[in-house]
Amino acid sequence: MDNPAYYNSEVGLTIPPHPQKKPLKKTRDAPERATLEKHPCLRLWKLHFKTKEASRYRRTVALFLALVILLIVLIVGIALAIYISVGGNLNWSNTRDSTEEEGSWAVEGEFRVTNRDYRMDMNDHTSVTFLRMAAEVTKSMDELFVMSPLVRDYNGTEIIGFSKGSVIVSCRIFLNRPFTKAAEQVGLTFVQALEQGHGMLPTGSLHVDITSIRFAGRWLV
């Protein structure tokens, strides 16, 4: 028969052929597989479908995070290499902290004498004014340390210079042996003597502003 439809003589009907079924096209987000996952809060099990798009997205995110972590590791490695190459151990022998740990043979000090006026000829270390002021300060310092616990370690005071305001004294105090934290010990001895003398050095002629006192340890070679 040319026509796929045919006549049924028993019932007198023309029966059309059955239509052929077309295969279903797979959608883009059609689930490929499913997993059973437990919800931690509700204590329920849920069927979770995974798609190609979701898997591709997770792989992309994981790759991106891996690249970021790798970049951070490289940056930290480069920074550490630079730090070490420029001397990252910070073990400098000429810093003040290491000097104090090794011990200081001398202490440089500065303080302001309030009952003396600065004169221009104090800049000249050979002038009478300078020599007279230097002798007065040196004598006061000698008496201060002779009457202190540092009497056996004190080895004299050298006047470095004077500056304006009223008279600011810069001096160097020598020790018989190296001290750890020498500036702290010398400064404490100096302040205690001033407190006992109500701001006056032992000779009683020079008044010192106690807030102006500065001491720093020095390593002498």
Protein backbone atom coordinates (compact mmCIF):
# COMPACT_ATOMS: atom_id res chain seq x y z
CA MET A 1 0.00 0.00 0.00
CA ASP A 2 1.34 3.39 -1.01
CA ASN A 3 -0.68 5.26 1.58
CA PRO A 4 0.43 4.45 5.09
CA ALA A 5 -3.19 4.77 6.24
CA TYR A 6 -5.24 1.64 5.57
CA TYR A 7 -8.87 0.56 5.62
CA ASN A 8 -10.02 -1.95 8.20
CA SER A 9 -12.75 -3.98 6.58
CA GLU A 10 -13.90 -5.51 9.87
CA VAL A 11 -14.82 -2.28 11.57
CA GLY A 12 -15.10 -0.05 8.53
CA LEU A 13 -12.57 2.51 9.73
CA THR A 14 -9.52 4.05 8.23
CA ILE A 15 -6.71 3.87 10.79
CA PRO A 16 -3.82 6.35 10.47
CA PRO A 17 -0.32 5.17 11.22
CA HIS A 18 1.23 5.82 14.68
CA PRO A 19 3.39 8.95 14.73
CA GLN A 20 7.09 8.35 15.30
CA LYS A 21 8.44 9.65 18.64
CA LYS A 22 11.20 12.24 18.40
CA PRO A 23 14.07 11.93 20.88
CA LEU A 24 14.04 14.50 23.66
CA LYS A 25 16.69 17.17 23.32
CA LYS A 26 18.83 17.54 26.37
CA THR A 27 18.53 21.00 27.86
CA ARG A 28 21.55 23.00 28.78
CA ASP A 29 20.96 22.77 32.50
CA ALA A 30 19.55 19.27 32.58
CA PRO A 31 20.78 17.47 35.65
CA GLU A 32 23.47 14.89 35.03
CA ARG A 33 23.63 13.36 38.47
CA ALA A 34 22.12 13.75 41.89
CA THR A 35 23.48 13.34 45.38
CA LEU A 36 21.72 12.97 48.69
CA GLU A 37 22.92 15.62 51.14
CA LYS A 38 22.01 16.07 54.79
CA HIS A 39 21.01 19.53 56.00
CA PRO A 40 23.07 20.19 59.17
CA CYS A 41 20.47 22.38 60.92
CA LEU A 42 17.14 20.81 60.03
CA ARG A 43 18.40 17.21 60.17
CA LEU A 44 16.80 16.57 56.81
CA TRP A 45 18.07 14.82 53.72
CA LYS A 46 17.81 16.65 50.42
CA LEU A 47 18.33 15.44 46.88
CA HIS A 48 20.80 17.79 45.24
CA PHE A 49 21.16 17.83 41.45
CA LYS A 50 24.45 18.82 39.85
CA THR A 51 24.69 20.31 36.37
CA LYS A 52 27.56 20.86 33.97
CA GLU A 53 27.32 24.60 34.45
CA ALA A 54 27.55 24.29 38.23
CA SER A 55 30.55 21.96 37.98
CA ARG A 56 32.29 24.27 35.52
CA TYR A 57 31.69 27.25 37.83
CA ARG A 58 33.16 25.41 40.81
CA ARG A 59 36.22 24.42 38.84
CA THR A 60 36.72 28.03 37.73
CA VAL A 61 36.47 29.35 41.29
CA ALA A 62 38.86 26.68 42.59
CA LEU A 63 41.40 27.51 39.87
CA PHE A 64 41.14 31.23 40.63
CA LEU A 65 41.69 30.68 44.37
CA ALA A 66 44.69 28.45 43.64
CA LEU A 67 46.24 31.16 41.46
CA VAL A 68 45.67 33.81 44.15
CA ILE A 69 47.32 31.64 46.82
CA LEU A 70 50.26 30.94 44.52
CA LEU A 71 50.68 34.67 43.85
CA ILE A 72 50.66 35.45 47.59
CA VAL A 73 53.29 32.78 48.26
CA LEU A 74 55.52 34.19 45.52
CA ILE A 75 55.20 37.76 46.86
CA VAL A 76 56.02 36.66 50.42
CA GLY A 77 59.01 34.65 49.16
CA ILE A 78 60.39 37.59 47.18
CA ALA A 79 59.90 39.97 50.12
CA LEU A 80 61.66 37.55 52.48
CA ALA A 81 64.57 37.15 50.08
CA ILE A 82 64.97 40.95 49.81
CA TYR A 83 64.73 41.32 53.61
CA ILE A 84 67.48 38.76 54.19
CA SER A 85 69.71 40.14 51.41
CA VAL A 86 69.74 43.66 52.91
CA GLY A 87 70.59 42.43 56.40
CA GLY A 88 67.36 41.30 57.96
CA ASN A 89 68.99 39.94 61.07
CA LEU A 90 69.21 43.53 62.42
CA ASN A 91 72.32 42.64 64.41
CA TRP A 92 74.01 46.03 64.06
CA SER A 93 77.06 46.63 66.25
CA ASN A 94 76.79 50.43 66.16
CA THR A 95 73.25 50.87 67.44
CA ARG A 96 72.59 52.36 70.86
CA ASP A 97 70.81 49.24 72.12
CA SER A 98 73.73 46.93 71.33
CA THR A 99 76.12 49.49 72.81
CA GLU A 100 74.22 49.42 76.06
CA GLU A 101 74.28 45.63 76.07
CA GLU A 102 78.06 45.51 75.54
CA GLY A 103 78.73 48.25 78.08
CA SER A 104 79.72 51.92 77.88
CA TRP A 105 82.94 53.51 79.05
CA ALA A 106 81.50 57.02 78.93
CA VAL A 107 78.18 58.85 79.11
CA GLU A 108 77.37 62.07 77.30
CA GLY A 109 75.13 64.41 79.25
CA GLU A 110 73.29 67.67 78.79
CA PHE A 111 71.53 69.89 81.33
CA ARG A 112 70.54 73.53 81.76
CA VAL A 113 72.02 75.78 84.44
CA THR A 114 69.35 78.34 85.24
CA ASN A 115 71.31 80.79 87.41
CA ARG A 116 73.95 81.61 84.79
CA ASP A 117 73.67 83.70 81.61
CA TYR A 118 75.20 82.63 78.33
CA ARG A 119 77.92 84.84 76.86
CA MET A 120 79.30 84.77 73.34
CA ASP A 121 82.88 84.17 74.47
CA MET A 122 81.78 80.82 75.91
CA ASN A 123 82.16 79.52 72.35
CA ASP A 124 85.91 80.05 72.68
CA HIS A 125 87.36 77.17 74.69
CA THR A 126 90.42 79.25 75.50
CA SER A 127 88.52 82.25 76.86
CA VAL A 128 88.49 83.10 80.55
CA THR A 129 84.69 82.88 80.65
CA PHE A 130 84.67 79.36 79.20
CA LEU A 131 87.49 78.10 81.42
CA ARG A 132 85.91 79.56 84.56
CA MET A 133 82.48 78.05 83.80
CA ALA A 134 84.03 74.71 82.83
CA ALA A 135 86.01 74.56 86.09
CA GLU A 136 82.88 75.34 88.12
CA VAL A 137 80.84 72.60 86.43
CA THR A 138 83.67 70.05 86.60
CA LYS A 139 84.18 70.62 90.32
CA SER A 140 80.45 70.20 90.99
CA MET A 141 80.35 66.97 88.98
CA ASP A 142 83.41 65.58 90.78
CA GLU A 143 81.86 66.21 94.20
CA LEU A 144 78.53 64.76 93.07
CA PHE A 145 79.98 61.41 91.99
CA VAL A 146 82.53 61.17 94.81
CA MET A 147 79.60 61.15 97.24
CA SER A 148 77.60 58.65 95.17
CA PRO A 149 77.58 54.82 94.81
CA LEU A 150 79.57 55.31 91.58
CA VAL A 151 82.59 56.73 93.42
CA ARG A 152 84.84 53.80 92.40
CA ASP A 153 83.68 53.86 88.79
CA TYR A 154 83.72 57.61 88.14
CA ASN A 155 86.77 58.81 86.19
CA GLY A 156 86.18 62.50 85.59
CA THR A 157 84.05 64.90 83.54
CA GLU A 158 84.99 66.65 80.33
CA ILE A 159 83.15 69.80 79.22
CA ILE A 160 82.21 69.58 75.54
CA GLY A 161 80.70 73.04 75.29
CA PHE A 162 78.11 75.59 76.36
CA SER A 163 75.09 76.92 74.49
CA LYS A 164 72.41 79.51 75.00
CA GLY A 165 69.40 79.10 77.24
CA SER A 166 70.32 80.14 80.11
CA VAL A 167 73.53 78.08 79.92
CA ILE A 168 73.15 74.59 78.49
CA VAL A 169 76.05 72.38 79.52
CA SER A 170 77.23 69.55 77.27
CA CYS A 171 79.66 67.19 78.97
CA ARG A 172 81.14 63.70 78.84
CA ILE A 173 81.41 61.57 81.98
CA PHE A 174 84.12 58.89 81.92
CA LEU A 175 83.97 55.56 83.76
CA ASN A 176 86.69 53.19 84.96
CA ARG A 177 84.94 50.15 83.50
CA PRO A 178 82.20 49.47 80.95
CA PHE A 179 78.67 49.59 82.26
CA THR A 180 75.55 48.02 80.88
CA LYS A 181 72.83 50.70 80.91
CA ALA A 182 75.49 53.24 81.87
CA ALA A 183 73.35 56.24 80.89
CA GLU A 184 70.56 55.04 83.16
CA GLN A 185 72.86 54.58 86.16
CA VAL A 186 74.70 57.89 85.72
CA GLY A 187 71.47 59.77 85.10
CA LEU A 188 69.79 58.29 88.15
CA THR A 189 72.77 59.22 90.34
CA PHE A 190 72.72 62.78 88.93
CA VAL A 191 68.98 63.24 89.52
CA GLN A 192 69.13 61.86 93.08
CA ALA A 193 71.88 64.35 93.96
CA LEU A 194 69.81 67.21 92.56
CA GLU A 195 66.75 66.11 94.53
CA GLN A 196 68.78 66.05 97.74
CA GLY A 197 70.18 69.52 96.97
CA HIS A 198 66.78 70.91 95.87
CA GLY A 199 68.03 71.45 92.34
CA MET A 200 71.52 72.63 93.33
CA LEU A 201 74.74 70.79 92.43
CA PRO A 202 76.92 69.82 95.47
CA THR A 203 79.02 73.01 95.46
CA GLY A 204 75.82 74.97 95.97
CA SER A 205 76.56 77.51 93.24
CA LEU A 206 74.83 76.01 90.16
CA HIS A 207 71.08 75.41 89.91
CA VAL A 208 69.97 72.81 87.34
CA ASP A 209 66.58 72.47 85.66
CA ILE A 210 65.82 68.81 86.41
CA THR A 211 63.50 68.53 83.39
CA SER A 212 66.35 69.41 81.01
CA ILE A 213 68.61 66.46 81.88
CA ARG A 214 69.65 64.15 79.03
CA PHE A 215 72.16 61.28 79.15
CA ALA A 216 73.28 58.80 76.48
CA GLY A 217 75.78 55.95 76.68
CA ARG A 218 78.81 55.93 74.38
CA TRP A 219 81.19 53.09 73.43
CA LEU A 220 84.75 54.34 73.29
CA VAL A 221 87.37 52.52 71.18
